């Protein structure tokens, strides 16, 4: 049986990593005048390595959490 504490811990990590990624985007991409949308048209060039590192952490954590859920719910992993 899946330990609920483990899932809560891993889900918290996922949320933390997602927040860090979004904070990075907020710091590096200007917003449009409505301050809700990123202004990709007028943004400086982003560091591809930094973007990849943030994405990799997010993807790794999501796959880790998925593994717990697939095992517990009996899905076939693809």
Protein backbone atom coordinates (compact mmCIF):
# COMPACT_ATOMS: atom_id res chain seq x y z
CA UNK A 1 0.00 0.00 0.00
CA UNK A 2 1.20 3.46 -0.90
CA UNK A 3 2.41 5.59 1.98
CA UNK A 4 0.37 8.81 1.96
CA UNK A 5 3.23 10.70 3.66
CA UNK A 6 5.59 9.84 0.79
CA UNK A 7 3.11 11.08 -1.80
CA UNK A 8 2.49 14.29 0.16
CA UNK A 9 6.25 14.88 0.43
CA UNK A 10 6.86 14.26 -3.27
CA UNK A 11 3.87 16.38 -4.28
CA UNK A 12 5.17 19.23 -2.11
CA UNK A 13 8.54 18.95 -3.88
CA UNK A 14 6.79 19.08 -7.25
CA UNK A 15 4.91 22.23 -6.27
CA UNK A 16 8.11 23.82 -4.92
CA UNK A 17 10.02 23.06 -8.13
CA UNK A 18 7.15 24.38 -10.26
CA UNK A 19 7.11 27.59 -8.23
CA UNK A 20 10.87 28.02 -8.69
CA UNK A 21 10.48 27.57 -12.46
CA UNK A 22 7.65 30.11 -12.64
CA UNK A 23 9.65 32.55 -10.48
CA UNK A 24 12.56 32.20 -12.90
CA UNK A 25 10.28 33.04 -15.81
CA UNK A 26 8.80 36.00 -13.91
CA UNK A 27 12.28 37.34 -13.22
CA UNK A 28 13.51 36.94 -16.79
CA UNK A 29 10.57 37.68 -19.08
CA UNK A 30 8.82 41.04 -18.99
CA UNK A 31 5.06 41.15 -18.67
CA UNK A 32 2.62 42.88 -20.98
CA UNK A 33 0.90 46.03 -19.78
CA UNK A 34 -1.90 43.99 -18.19
CA UNK A 35 0.82 42.37 -16.01
CA UNK A 36 -0.83 38.97 -16.48
CA UNK A 37 0.77 37.71 -19.66
CA UNK A 38 4.41 37.26 -20.55
CA UNK A 39 5.64 39.53 -23.32
CA UNK A 40 7.55 36.96 -25.37
CA UNK A 41 7.84 39.33 -28.29
CA UNK A 42 10.01 41.82 -26.40
CA UNK A 43 11.87 39.57 -24.00
CA UNK A 44 15.63 39.24 -23.75
CA UNK A 45 17.14 35.95 -24.81
CA UNK A 46 16.86 33.38 -22.05
CA UNK A 47 19.67 31.09 -21.00
CA UNK A 48 18.77 27.73 -22.51
CA UNK A 49 20.82 25.86 -19.91
CA UNK A 50 18.90 27.52 -17.06
CA UNK A 51 15.56 26.74 -18.70
CA UNK A 52 16.59 23.11 -19.22
CA UNK A 53 17.73 22.74 -15.60
CA UNK A 54 14.39 24.03 -14.31
CA UNK A 55 12.43 21.84 -16.72
CA UNK A 56 14.52 18.76 -15.94
CA UNK A 57 13.88 19.12 -12.18
CA UNK A 58 10.16 19.57 -12.80
CA UNK A 59 9.97 16.64 -15.21
CA UNK A 60 12.02 14.34 -12.96
CA UNK A 61 9.83 15.08 -9.95
CA UNK A 62 6.63 14.55 -11.95
CA UNK A 63 7.90 11.20 -13.25
CA UNK A 64 8.93 10.17 -9.73
CA UNK A 65 5.48 10.97 -8.37
CA UNK A 66 3.86 9.27 -11.37
CA UNK A 67 5.76 6.09 -10.51
CA UNK A 68 4.22 5.96 -7.06
CA UNK A 69 0.74 6.55 -8.43
CA UNK A 70 1.05 4.06 -11.28
CA UNK A 71 2.18 1.39 -8.83
CA UNK A 72 -0.59 2.12 -6.35
CA UNK A 73 -3.41 2.42 -8.85
CA UNK A 74 -2.30 -0.52 -10.97
CA UNK A 75 -1.90 1.36 -14.24
CA UNK A 76 0.46 0.12 -16.89
CA UNK A 77 3.49 2.38 -17.14
CA UNK A 78 4.14 3.60 -20.66
